[in-house]
């Protein structure tokens, strides 16, 4: 097997490692490319290509993550990972670990760890690398890596959410949710949402998005029902699609360009969290990106005239007051 063939065979593993460390598709792809350049430039053939390349992509990802954290501290609004539609790496023996670790909730928990803790956790707990391999990859002793793994596992276990285990039930719930969303059915949406549901948006200051996280079934149902049907009037369609291993959808404009990606977390037969990624910088790998601001203006023009309050003019009564807008 040639060096190129060897690398291509391991590319899915390298990308999956880098994505879980970085939470970014574009940065993970860059880390994999840099790994190839180092591999190609090496004059010696490593004893184990998997060990060498995994260590290389891990070290590159740690360095990228350290600088990325400074940028994320200055990020406008809520930062969410870049949505991943398909994880290229499969391992039947670790399918549960791989599926759980790629969810948005898990990636956000990983954000709380130090870069070294995050890398050790991903290598050891997600991909099952032995401590000698982990130590070689991160440049620390085995004893230090064991301590890092214990701390990381403790943090992850403390905040790990419970997800709906049955895939069919998740899909049924998601289908009902998206039907109610298209119809603007407040009551139908409310029935599907957990009492303490959170609606989280990431526009990065570059696309229309909620200014803050919304909490509560009534608020979230009203906002969704008031806004999504308007998008339908200007040609936006929802394409159900698994996102980060969970039910989700891609919103596309009339030309097929990507406007938004949604992902749903579910537990106990209800939707617990809805995450919405609209930052165009995070959607380029999904497809050509739509102009969110132009669509918002078009949707606002399509909005029906405000209804006069049944009780009085001005701010309106609680029943007639319009729902908050994106």
C-alpha atoms as a PDB file:
ATOM      1  CA  UNK A   1       0.000   0.000   0.000  1.00  0.00           C
ATOM      2  CA  UNK A   2       1.366   3.424  -0.958  1.00  0.00           C
ATOM      3  CA  UNK A   3       1.666   6.279   1.515  1.00  0.00           C
ATOM      4  CA  UNK A   4      -1.219   8.076  -0.209  1.00  0.00           C
ATOM      5  CA  UNK A   5      -3.471   5.000  -0.069  1.00  0.00           C
ATOM      6  CA  UNK A   6      -2.579   4.508   3.578  1.00  0.00           C
ATOM      7  CA  UNK A   7      -3.513   8.083   4.383  1.00  0.00           C
ATOM      8  CA  UNK A   8      -6.804   7.980   2.469  1.00  0.00           C
ATOM      9  CA  UNK A   9      -7.805   4.830   4.315  1.00  0.00           C
ATOM     10  CA  UNK A  10      -7.294   6.629   7.639  1.00  0.00           C
ATOM     11  CA  UNK A  11      -8.761   9.983   6.563  1.00  0.00           C
ATOM     12  CA  UNK A  12     -12.255   9.315   8.049  1.00  0.00           C
ATOM     13  CA  UNK A  13     -10.709   8.515  11.442  1.00  0.00           C
ATOM     14  CA  UNK A  14      -8.467  11.595  11.331  1.00  0.00           C
ATOM     15  CA  UNK A  15     -11.348  13.907  10.446  1.00  0.00           C
ATOM     16  CA  UNK A  16     -13.577  12.457  13.156  1.00  0.00           C
ATOM     17  CA  UNK A  17     -10.834  12.900  15.741  1.00  0.00           C
ATOM     18  CA  UNK A  18     -10.174  16.488  14.696  1.00  0.00           C
ATOM     19  CA  UNK A  19     -13.872  17.421  14.548  1.00  0.00           C
ATOM     20  CA  UNK A  20     -14.544  16.237  18.091  1.00  0.00           C
ATOM     21  CA  UNK A  21     -11.538  18.155  19.393  1.00  0.00           C
ATOM     22  CA  UNK A  22     -12.338  21.338  17.445  1.00  0.00           C
ATOM     23  CA  UNK A  23     -16.125  21.364  16.964  1.00  0.00           C
ATOM     24  CA  UNK A  24     -15.562  22.798  13.493  1.00  0.00           C
ATOM     25  CA  UNK A  25     -15.830  21.032  10.134  1.00  0.00           C
ATOM     26  CA  UNK A  26     -13.647  23.557   8.310  1.00  0.00           C
ATOM     27  CA  UNK A  27     -10.929  23.555  10.987  1.00  0.00           C
ATOM     28  CA  UNK A  28     -10.995  19.746  11.144  1.00  0.00           C
ATOM     29  CA  UNK A  29     -10.556  19.524   7.378  1.00  0.00           C
ATOM     30  CA  UNK A  30      -7.619  21.951   7.571  1.00  0.00           C
ATOM     31  CA  UNK A  31      -6.055  19.889  10.375  1.00  0.00           C
ATOM     32  CA  UNK A  32      -6.344  16.727   8.290  1.00  0.00           C
ATOM     33  CA  UNK A  33      -4.757  18.476   5.302  1.00  0.00           C
ATOM     34  CA  UNK A  34      -1.874  19.727   7.464  1.00  0.00           C
ATOM     35  CA  UNK A  35      -1.431  16.170   8.763  1.00  0.00           C
ATOM     36  CA  UNK A  36      -1.095  14.906   5.198  1.00  0.00           C
ATOM     37  CA  UNK A  37       1.520  17.557   4.391  1.00  0.00           C
ATOM     38  CA  UNK A  38       3.582  16.516   7.403  1.00  0.00           C
ATOM     39  CA  UNK A  39       3.201  12.856   6.507  1.00  0.00           C
ATOM     40  CA  UNK A  40       4.190  13.509   2.909  1.00  0.00           C
ATOM     41  CA  UNK A  41       7.237  15.542   3.990  1.00  0.00           C
ATOM     42  CA  UNK A  42       8.469  12.886   6.421  1.00  0.00           C
ATOM     43  CA  UNK A  43      11.503  11.007   5.132  1.00  0.00           C
ATOM     44  CA  UNK A  44      10.922   7.958   7.298  1.00  0.00           C
ATOM     45  CA  UNK A  45       8.037   5.531   7.117  1.00  0.00           C
ATOM     46  CA  UNK A  46       6.368   5.213  10.545  1.00  0.00           C
ATOM     47  CA  UNK A  47       5.992   1.764  12.084  1.00  0.00           C
ATOM     48  CA  UNK A  48       2.283   2.413  12.520  1.00  0.00           C
ATOM     49  CA  UNK A  49       0.655   4.879  10.155  1.00  0.00           C
ATOM     50  CA  UNK A  50      -2.461   4.989  12.343  1.00  0.00           C
ATOM     51  CA  UNK A  51      -0.493   5.906  15.465  1.00  0.00           C
ATOM     52  CA  UNK A  52       1.658   8.464  13.643  1.00  0.00           C
ATOM     53  CA  UNK A  53      -1.204  10.179  11.828  1.00  0.00           C
ATOM     54  CA  UNK A  54      -3.532  10.146  14.839  1.00  0.00           C
ATOM     55  CA  UNK A  55      -0.838  11.752  16.959  1.00  0.00           C
ATOM     56  CA  UNK A  56      -0.114  14.343  14.281  1.00  0.00           C
ATOM     57  CA  UNK A  57      -3.751  15.371  13.774  1.00  0.00           C
ATOM     58  CA  UNK A  58      -4.294  15.496  17.544  1.00  0.00           C
ATOM     59  CA  UNK A  59      -1.332  17.821  18.126  1.00  0.00           C
ATOM     60  CA  UNK A  60      -2.375  20.067  15.251  1.00  0.00           C
ATOM     61  CA  UNK A  61      -5.939  20.175  16.576  1.00  0.00           C
ATOM     62  CA  UNK A  62      -4.767  21.071  20.090  1.00  0.00           C
ATOM     63  CA  UNK A  63      -2.767  23.991  18.706  1.00  0.00           C
ATOM     64  CA  UNK A  64      -5.710  25.177  16.599  1.00  0.00           C
ATOM     65  CA  UNK A  65      -8.096  24.859  19.550  1.00  0.00           C
ATOM     66  CA  UNK A  66      -5.897  27.025  21.766  1.00  0.00           C
ATOM     67  CA  UNK A  67      -6.025  29.896  19.291  1.00  0.00           C
ATOM     68  CA  UNK A  68      -9.689  29.263  18.430  1.00  0.00           C
ATOM     69  CA  UNK A  69     -10.701  29.682  22.064  1.00  0.00           C
ATOM     70  CA  UNK A  70      -9.534  33.290  22.009  1.00  0.00           C
ATOM     71  CA  UNK A  71     -11.689  33.952  18.937  1.00  0.00           C
ATOM     72  CA  UNK A  72     -14.693  32.233  20.513  1.00  0.00           C
ATOM     73  CA  UNK A  73     -14.430  34.483  23.576  1.00  0.00           C
ATOM     74  CA  UNK A  74     -15.039  37.449  21.256  1.00  0.00           C
ATOM     75  CA  UNK A  75     -17.778  35.691  19.305  1.00  0.00           C
ATOM     76  CA  UNK A  76     -21.017  37.637  18.755  1.00  0.00           C
ATOM     77  CA  UNK A  77     -23.850  35.842  20.533  1.00  0.00           C
ATOM     78  CA  UNK A  78     -24.041  32.152  21.350  1.00  0.00           C
ATOM     79  CA  UNK A  79     -21.300  29.985  19.834  1.00  0.00           C
ATOM     80  CA  UNK A  80     -22.390  26.556  18.554  1.00  0.00           C
ATOM     81  CA  UNK A  81     -20.319  23.875  16.815  1.00  0.00           C
ATOM     82  CA  UNK A  82     -20.465  23.662  13.039  1.00  0.00           C
ATOM     83  CA  UNK A  83     -23.212  21.191  12.106  1.00  0.00           C
ATOM     84  CA  UNK A  84     -22.036  17.794  10.907  1.00  0.00           C
ATOM     85  CA  UNK A  85     -24.394  15.949   8.580  1.00  0.00           C
ATOM     86  CA  UNK A  86     -22.448  12.702   8.260  1.00  0.00           C
ATOM     87  CA  UNK A  87     -19.658  11.296  10.399  1.00  0.00           C
ATOM     88  CA  UNK A  88     -17.306   9.552   7.934  1.00  0.00           C
ATOM     89  CA  UNK A  89     -15.806   7.184  10.512  1.00  0.00           C
ATOM     90  CA  UNK A  90     -17.607   4.029  11.595  1.00  0.00           C
ATOM     91  CA  UNK A  91     -16.622   1.451  14.184  1.00  0.00           C
ATOM     92  CA  UNK A  92     -19.335  -1.052  15.168  1.00  0.00           C
ATOM     93  CA  UNK A  93     -17.508  -1.834  18.394  1.00  0.00           C
ATOM     94  CA  UNK A  94     -17.736   1.824  19.516  1.00  0.00           C
ATOM     95  CA  UNK A  95     -20.890   2.984  17.773  1.00  0.00           C
ATOM     96  CA  UNK A  96     -22.540   4.226  21.000  1.00  0.00           C
ATOM     97  CA  UNK A  97     -19.517   6.290  22.043  1.00  0.00           C
ATOM     98  CA  UNK A  98     -19.138   7.738  18.551  1.00  0.00           C
ATOM     99  CA  UNK A  99     -22.811   8.685  18.286  1.00  0.00           C
ATOM    100  CA  UNK A 100     -23.007  10.317  21.730  1.00  0.00           C
ATOM    101  CA  UNK A 101     -19.757  12.238  21.343  1.00  0.00           C
ATOM    102  CA  UNK A 102     -20.765  13.961  18.103  1.00  0.00           C
ATOM    103  CA  UNK A 103     -24.011  15.483  19.397  1.00  0.00           C
ATOM    104  CA  UNK A 104     -24.109  19.249  19.836  1.00  0.00           C
ATOM    105  CA  UNK A 105     -24.742  18.807  23.558  1.00  0.00           C
ATOM    106  CA  UNK A 106     -21.621  16.644  23.965  1.00  0.00           C
ATOM    107  CA  UNK A 107     -19.476  19.011  21.889  1.00  0.00           C
ATOM    108  CA  UNK A 108     -20.588  21.937  24.040  1.00  0.00           C
ATOM    109  CA  UNK A 109     -19.643  19.966  27.154  1.00  0.00           C
ATOM    110  CA  UNK A 110     -16.239  19.302  25.616  1.00  0.00           C
ATOM    111  CA  UNK A 111     -15.824  23.077  25.245  1.00  0.00           C
ATOM    112  CA  UNK A 112     -15.584  23.284  29.047  1.00  0.00           C
ATOM    113  CA  UNK A 113     -12.459  21.111  29.101  1.00  0.00           C
ATOM    114  CA  UNK A 114      -8.924  22.298  28.566  1.00  0.00           C
ATOM    115  CA  UNK A 115      -7.471  21.452  25.132  1.00  0.00           C
ATOM    116  CA  UNK A 116      -5.381  18.632  26.628  1.00  0.00           C
ATOM    117  CA  UNK A 117      -8.310  17.198  28.599  1.00  0.00           C
ATOM    118  CA  UNK A 118     -10.460  17.348  25.509  1.00  0.00           C
ATOM    119  CA  UNK A 119      -7.908  15.570  23.339  1.00  0.00           C
ATOM    120  CA  UNK A 120      -7.286  12.855  25.949  1.00  0.00           C
ATOM    121  CA  UNK A 121     -11.015  12.289  26.446  1.00  0.00           C
ATOM    122  CA  UNK A 122     -11.649  12.002  22.697  1.00  0.00           C
ATOM    123  CA  UNK A 123      -8.751   9.625  22.118  1.00  0.00           C
ATOM    124  CA  UNK A 124      -9.379   7.434  25.148  1.00  0.00           C
ATOM    125  CA  UNK A 125     -13.129   7.487  25.837  1.00  0.00           C
ATOM    126  CA  UNK A 126     -14.499   7.962  22.330  1.00  0.00           C
ATOM    127  CA  UNK A 127     -12.034   6.127  20.092  1.00  0.00           C
ATOM    128  CA  UNK A 128     -10.619   3.659  22.615  1.00  0.00           C
ATOM    129  CA  UNK A 129      -6.902   4.415  22.184  1.00  0.00           C
ATOM    130  CA  UNK A 130      -4.619   2.866  24.786  1.00  0.00           C
ATOM    131  CA  UNK A 131      -2.851   5.154  27.236  1.00  0.00           C
ATOM    132  CA  UNK A 132       0.560   4.613  25.591  1.00  0.00           C
ATOM    133  CA  UNK A 133      -0.906   5.882  22.309  1.00  0.00           C
ATOM    134  CA  UNK A 134      -2.680   8.755  24.047  1.00  0.00           C
ATOM    135  CA  UNK A 135       0.512   9.771  25.837  1.00  0.00           C
ATOM    136  CA  UNK A 136       2.446   9.747  22.577  1.00  0.00           C
ATOM    137  CA  UNK A 137      -0.238  11.794  20.814  1.00  0.00           C
ATOM    138  CA  UNK A 138      -0.450  14.606  23.397  1.00  0.00           C
ATOM    139  CA  UNK A 139       3.185  14.577  24.508  1.00  0.00           C
ATOM    140  CA  UNK A 140       2.519  13.768  28.170  1.00  0.00           C
ATOM    141  CA  UNK A 141       3.344  10.809  30.415  1.00  0.00           C
ATOM    142  CA  UNK A 142       0.877   7.951  30.782  1.00  0.00           C
ATOM    143  CA  UNK A 143       0.316   8.882  34.416  1.00  0.00           C
ATOM    144  CA  UNK A 144      -0.491  12.467  33.468  1.00  0.00           C
ATOM    145  CA  UNK A 145      -2.865  11.261  30.753  1.00  0.00           C
ATOM    146  CA  UNK A 146      -4.689   9.030  33.227  1.00  0.00           C
ATOM    147  CA  UNK A 147      -5.233  12.035  35.495  1.00  0.00           C
ATOM    148  CA  UNK A 148      -6.422  14.131  32.554  1.00  0.00           C
ATOM    149  CA  UNK A 149      -8.812  11.362  31.537  1.00  0.00           C
ATOM    150  CA  UNK A 150     -10.280  11.107  35.055  1.00  0.00           C
ATOM    151  CA  UNK A 151     -10.872  14.875  35.251  1.00  0.00           C
ATOM    152  CA  UNK A 152     -12.380  15.008  31.782  1.00  0.00           C
ATOM    153  CA  UNK A 153     -14.660  12.031  32.426  1.00  0.00           C
ATOM    154  CA  UNK A 154     -15.851  13.574  35.693  1.00  0.00           C
ATOM    155  CA  UNK A 155     -16.785  16.842  33.958  1.00  0.00           C
ATOM    156  CA  UNK A 156     -18.497  15.059  31.080  1.00  0.00           C
ATOM    157  CA  UNK A 157     -20.475  12.682  33.301  1.00  0.00           C
ATOM    158  CA  UNK A 158     -21.677  15.555  35.506  1.00  0.00           C
ATOM    159  CA  UNK A 159     -23.175  17.466  32.598  1.00  0.00           C
ATOM    160  CA  UNK A 160     -24.070  14.709  30.157  1.00  0.00           C
ATOM    161  CA  UNK A 161     -27.745  14.976  29.137  1.00  0.00           C
ATOM    162  CA  UNK A 162     -30.058  12.009  28.683  1.00  0.00           C
ATOM    163  CA  UNK A 163     -31.176  11.486  25.105  1.00  0.00           C
ATOM    164  CA  UNK A 164     -34.121   9.602  23.663  1.00  0.00           C
ATOM    165  CA  UNK A 165     -32.613   6.152  23.124  1.00  0.00           C
ATOM    166  CA  UNK A 166     -35.018   4.727  20.532  1.00  0.00           C
ATOM    167  CA  UNK A 167     -34.175   5.964  17.034  1.00  0.00           C
ATOM    168  CA  UNK A 168     -37.678   5.342  15.699  1.00  0.00           C
ATOM    169  CA  UNK A 169     -39.258   7.326  18.503  1.00  0.00           C
ATOM    170  CA  UNK A 170     -36.871  10.202  17.837  1.00  0.00           C
ATOM    171  CA  UNK A 171     -37.765  10.199  14.154  1.00  0.00           C
ATOM    172  CA  UNK A 172     -41.524  10.108  14.853  1.00  0.00           C
ATOM    173  CA  UNK A 173     -41.271  12.986  17.298  1.00  0.00           C
ATOM    174  CA  UNK A 174     -39.149  14.997  14.862  1.00  0.00           C
ATOM    175  CA  UNK A 175     -41.631  14.409  12.023  1.00  0.00           C
ATOM    176  CA  UNK A 176     -44.525  15.636  14.173  1.00  0.00           C
ATOM    177  CA  UNK A 177     -42.485  18.667  15.221  1.00  0.00           C
ATOM    178  CA  UNK A 178     -41.585  19.688  11.674  1.00  0.00           C
ATOM    179  CA  UNK A 179     -45.208  19.245  10.517  1.00  0.00           C
ATOM    180  CA  UNK A 180     -46.410  21.545  13.313  1.00  0.00           C
ATOM    181  CA  UNK A 181     -43.605  23.989  12.518  1.00  0.00           C
ATOM    182  CA  UNK A 182     -44.604  24.261   8.845  1.00  0.00           C
ATOM    183  CA  UNK A 183     -48.230  24.855   9.810  1.00  0.00           C
ATOM    184  CA  UNK A 184     -47.443  27.362  12.544  1.00  0.00           C
ATOM    185  CA  UNK A 185     -49.459  25.235  14.967  1.00  0.00           C
ATOM    186  CA  UNK A 186     -48.783  26.732  18.409  1.00  0.00           C
ATOM    187  CA  UNK A 187     -50.783  24.094  20.266  1.00  0.00           C
ATOM    188  CA  UNK A 188     -49.220  21.240  18.321  1.00  0.00           C
ATOM    189  CA  UNK A 189     -45.735  22.572  18.995  1.00  0.00           C
ATOM    190  CA  UNK A 190     -46.436  23.142  22.676  1.00  0.00           C
ATOM    191  CA  UNK A 191     -47.456  19.507  23.133  1.00  0.00           C
ATOM    192  CA  UNK A 192     -44.105  18.316  21.747  1.00  0.00           C
ATOM    193  CA  UNK A 193     -41.860  20.623  23.781  1.00  0.00           C
ATOM    194  CA  UNK A 194     -40.493  20.004  27.267  1.00  0.00           C
ATOM    195  CA  UNK A 195     -41.650  22.561  29.843  1.00  0.00           C
ATOM    196  CA  UNK A 196     -38.096  23.911  30.190  1.00  0.00           C
ATOM    197  CA  UNK A 197     -37.121  23.653  26.519  1.00  0.00           C
ATOM    198  CA  UNK A 198     -34.391  25.958  25.254  1.00  0.00           C
ATOM    199  CA  UNK A 199     -34.196  27.515  21.789  1.00  0.00           C
ATOM    200  CA  UNK A 200     -30.576  28.454  21.071  1.00  0.00           C
ATOM    201  CA  UNK A 201     -29.442  30.341  17.974  1.00  0.00           C
ATOM    202  CA  UNK A 202     -26.018  31.010  16.453  1.00  0.00           C
ATOM    203  CA  UNK A 203     -25.903  33.736  13.825  1.00  0.00           C
ATOM    204  CA  UNK A 204     -22.470  35.047  14.745  1.00  0.00           C
ATOM    205  CA  UNK A 205     -23.682  38.572  14.005  1.00  0.00           C
ATOM    206  CA  UNK A 206     -23.738  37.628  10.307  1.00  0.00           C
ATOM    207  CA  UNK A 207     -27.297  36.282   9.950  1.00  0.00           C
ATOM    208  CA  UNK A 208     -30.714  36.906  11.540  1.00  0.00           C
ATOM    209  CA  UNK A 209     -30.998  35.055  14.816  1.00  0.00           C
ATOM    210  CA  UNK A 210     -32.586  35.356  18.232  1.00  0.00           C
ATOM    211  CA  UNK A 211     -30.583  37.769  20.412  1.00  0.00           C
ATOM    212  CA  UNK A 212     -30.670  35.381  23.367  1.00  0.00           C
ATOM    213  CA  UNK A 213     -31.663  31.875  24.382  1.00  0.00           C
ATOM    214  CA  UNK A 214     -35.417  31.433  24.796  1.00  0.00           C
ATOM    215  CA  UNK A 215     -36.671  29.120  27.557  1.00  0.00           C
ATOM    216  CA  UNK A 216     -40.113  27.657  28.144  1.00  0.00           C
ATOM    217  CA  UNK A 217     -42.599  25.759  25.984  1.00  0.00           C
ATOM    218  CA  UNK A 218     -45.058  28.650  25.593  1.00  0.00           C
ATOM    219  CA  UNK A 219     -42.467  31.217  24.501  1.00  0.00           C
ATOM    220  CA  UNK A 220     -40.659  28.853  22.161  1.00  0.00           C
ATOM    221  CA  UNK A 221     -43.882  27.562  20.570  1.00  0.00           C
ATOM    222  CA  UNK A 222     -45.132  31.100  19.927  1.00  0.00           C
ATOM    223  CA  UNK A 223     -41.868  32.279  18.389  1.00  0.00           C
ATOM    224  CA  UNK A 224     -41.548  29.239  16.139  1.00  0.00           C
ATOM    225  CA  UNK A 225     -45.192  29.371  15.033  1.00  0.00           C
ATOM    226  CA  UNK A 226     -44.984  33.093  14.282  1.00  0.00           C
ATOM    227  CA  UNK A 227     -41.797  32.998  12.231  1.00  0.00           C
ATOM    228  CA  UNK A 228     -41.332  29.735  10.347  1.00  0.00           C
ATOM    229  CA  UNK A 229     -44.544  29.917   8.276  1.00  0.00           C
ATOM    230  CA  UNK A 230     -43.383  33.336   7.058  1.00  0.00           C
ATOM    231  CA  UNK A 231     -40.248  31.720   5.678  1.00  0.00           C
ATOM    232  CA  UNK A 232     -42.435  29.242   3.833  1.00  0.00           C
ATOM    233  CA  UNK A 233     -44.204  32.139   2.116  1.00  0.00           C
ATOM    234  CA  UNK A 234     -40.912  33.289   0.593  1.00  0.00           C
ATOM    235  CA  UNK A 235     -39.984  29.840  -0.674  1.00  0.00           C
ATOM    236  CA  UNK A 236     -37.939  28.462   2.237  1.00  0.00           C
ATOM    237  CA  UNK A 237     -38.285  24.695   2.613  1.00  0.00           C
ATOM    238  CA  UNK A 238     -37.302  22.367   5.444  1.00  0.00           C
ATOM    239  CA  UNK A 239     -35.364  19.253   4.510  1.00  0.00           C
ATOM    240  CA  UNK A 240     -35.343  16.758   7.406  1.00  0.00           C
ATOM    241  CA  UNK A 241     -31.817  15.460   7.901  1.00  0.00           C
ATOM    242  CA  UNK A 242     -29.817  13.896  10.701  1.00  0.00           C
ATOM    243  CA  UNK A 243     -27.488  16.526  12.174  1.00  0.00           C
ATOM    244  CA  UNK A 244     -24.697  15.597  14.592  1.00  0.00           C
ATOM    245  CA  UNK A 245     -26.290  12.196  15.085  1.00  0.00           C
ATOM    246  CA  UNK A 246     -29.653  13.684  16.118  1.00  0.00           C
ATOM    247  CA  UNK A 247     -32.863  14.534  14.226  1.00  0.00           C
ATOM    248  CA  UNK A 248     -32.636  17.871  12.495  1.00  0.00           C
ATOM    249  CA  UNK A 249     -33.318  19.771   9.302  1.00  0.00           C
ATOM    250  CA  UNK A 250     -31.681  21.938   6.677  1.00  0.00           C
ATOM    251  CA  UNK A 251     -33.577  25.093   5.676  1.00  0.00           C
ATOM    252  CA  UNK A 252     -33.057  26.075   2.036  1.00  0.00           C
ATOM    253  CA  UNK A 253     -34.272  29.050   0.043  1.00  0.00           C
ATOM    254  CA  UNK A 254     -36.133  28.726  -3.265  1.00  0.00           C
ATOM    255  CA  UNK A 255     -32.798  28.308  -5.067  1.00  0.00           C
ATOM    256  CA  UNK A 256     -31.642  25.471  -2.817  1.00  0.00           C
ATOM    257  CA  UNK A 257     -29.161  27.598  -0.877  1.00  0.00           C
ATOM    258  CA  UNK A 258     -28.653  26.850   2.815  1.00  0.00           C
ATOM    259  CA  UNK A 259     -30.244  29.308   5.220  1.00  0.00           C
ATOM    260  CA  UNK A 260     -30.115  27.472   8.515  1.00  0.00           C
ATOM    261  CA  UNK A 261     -29.483  24.088  10.095  1.00  0.00           C
ATOM    262  CA  UNK A 262     -31.564  22.878  13.037  1.00  0.00           C
ATOM    263  CA  UNK A 263     -30.840  20.029  15.422  1.00  0.00           C
ATOM    264  CA  UNK A 264     -33.100  18.616  18.142  1.00  0.00           C
ATOM    265  CA  UNK A 265     -32.256  17.018  21.488  1.00  0.00           C
ATOM    266  CA  UNK A 266     -35.002  14.803  22.909  1.00  0.00           C
ATOM    267  CA  UNK A 267     -35.707  13.048  26.185  1.00  0.00           C
ATOM    268  CA  UNK A 268     -38.769  11.479  27.823  1.00  0.00           C
ATOM    269  CA  UNK A 269     -40.809  11.867  24.645  1.00  0.00           C
ATOM    270  CA  UNK A 270     -40.319  15.643  24.436  1.00  0.00           C
ATOM    271  CA  UNK A 271     -37.961  18.007  22.650  1.00  0.00           C
ATOM    272  CA  UNK A 272     -35.530  19.412  25.215  1.00  0.00           C
ATOM    273  CA  UNK A 273     -33.339  21.698  23.108  1.00  0.00           C
ATOM    274  CA  UNK A 274     -33.536  23.197  19.627  1.00  0.00           C
ATOM    275  CA  UNK A 275     -30.273  24.556  18.246  1.00  0.00           C
ATOM    276  CA  UNK A 276     -30.219  26.742  15.171  1.00  0.00           C
ATOM    277  CA  UNK A 277     -27.013  27.503  13.251  1.00  0.00           C
ATOM    278  CA  UNK A 278     -27.414  30.356  10.744  1.00  0.00           C
ATOM    279  CA  UNK A 279     -23.891  31.835  10.707  1.00  0.00           C
ATOM    280  CA  UNK A 280     -22.946  31.584   6.996  1.00  0.00           C
ATOM    281  CA  UNK A 281     -19.313  30.902   7.940  1.00  0.00           C
ATOM    282  CA  UNK A 282     -20.469  27.608   9.485  1.00  0.00           C
ATOM    283  CA  UNK A 283     -22.674  26.423   6.626  1.00  0.00           C
ATOM    284  CA  UNK A 284     -20.417  26.472   3.560  1.00  0.00           C
ATOM    285  CA  UNK A 285     -19.647  22.752   3.842  1.00  0.00           C
ATOM    286  CA  UNK A 286     -23.399  21.982   3.656  1.00  0.00           C
ATOM    287  CA  UNK A 287     -23.853  23.815   0.345  1.00  0.00           C
ATOM    288  CA  UNK A 288     -24.107  27.284  -1.204  1.00  0.00           C
ATOM    289  CA  UNK A 289     -25.285  29.698   1.494  1.00  0.00           C
ATOM    290  CA  UNK A 290     -28.368  31.923   1.281  1.00  0.00           C
ATOM    291  CA  UNK A 291     -28.510  35.618   2.171  1.00  0.00           C
ATOM    292  CA  UNK A 292     -30.339  35.467   5.491  1.00  0.00           C
ATOM    293  CA  UNK A 293     -30.800  39.227   5.791  1.00  0.00           C
ATOM    294  CA  UNK A 294     -32.399  39.487   2.347  1.00  0.00           C
ATOM    295  CA  UNK A 295     -34.773  36.635   3.162  1.00  0.00           C
ATOM    296  CA  UNK A 296     -35.693  38.267   6.455  1.00  0.00           C
ATOM    297  CA  UNK A 297     -36.626  41.495   4.667  1.00  0.00           C
ATOM    298  CA  UNK A 298     -38.664  39.546   2.130  1.00  0.00           C
ATOM    299  CA  UNK A 299     -40.425  37.617   4.898  1.00  0.00           C
ATOM    300  CA  UNK A 300     -41.234  40.829   6.766  1.00  0.00           C
ATOM    301  CA  UNK A 301     -42.813  42.274   3.645  1.00  0.00           C
ATOM    302  CA  UNK A 302     -44.926  39.116   3.356  1.00  0.00           C
ATOM    303  CA  UNK A 303     -46.108  39.448   6.942  1.00  0.00           C
ATOM    304  CA  UNK A 304     -49.797  40.171   7.205  1.00  0.00           C
ATOM    305  CA  UNK A 305     -50.857  43.563   8.612  1.00  0.00           C
ATOM    306  CA  UNK A 306     -50.988  43.656  12.392  1.00  0.00           C
ATOM    307  CA  UNK A 307     -54.400  42.841  13.894  1.00  0.00           C
ATOM    308  CA  UNK A 308     -56.003  45.646  15.909  1.00  0.00           C
ATOM    309  CA  UNK A 309     -56.150  44.666  19.559  1.00  0.00           C
ATOM    310  CA  UNK A 310     -59.539  43.425  20.661  1.00  0.00           C
ATOM    311  CA  UNK A 311     -59.224  45.332  23.933  1.00  0.00           C
ATOM    312  CA  UNK A 312     -57.431  48.565  23.123  1.00  0.00           C
ATOM    313  CA  UNK A 313     -54.987  50.161  20.706  1.00  0.00           C
ATOM    314  CA  UNK A 314     -51.334  50.682  21.394  1.00  0.00           C
ATOM    315  CA  UNK A 315     -49.296  47.883  22.980  1.00  0.00           C
ATOM    316  CA  UNK A 316     -52.188  45.397  22.805  1.00  0.00           C
ATOM    317  CA  UNK A 317     -53.496  42.880  25.240  1.00  0.00           C
ATOM    318  CA  UNK A 318     -51.649  39.658  26.034  1.00  0.00           C
ATOM    319  CA  UNK A 319     -53.876  37.635  23.712  1.00  0.00           C
ATOM    320  CA  UNK A 320     -53.332  39.866  20.682  1.00  0.00           C
ATOM    321  CA  UNK A 321     -49.756  40.952  21.279  1.00  0.00           C
ATOM    322  CA  UNK A 322     -47.526  39.613  18.466  1.00  0.00           C
ATOM    323  CA  UNK A 323     -44.917  36.988  19.246  1.00  0.00           C
ATOM    324  CA  UNK A 324     -41.242  37.997  19.409  1.00  0.00           C
ATOM    325  CA  UNK A 325     -39.474  37.993  16.043  1.00  0.00           C
ATOM    326  CA  UNK A 326     -36.140  36.600  14.982  1.00  0.00           C
END
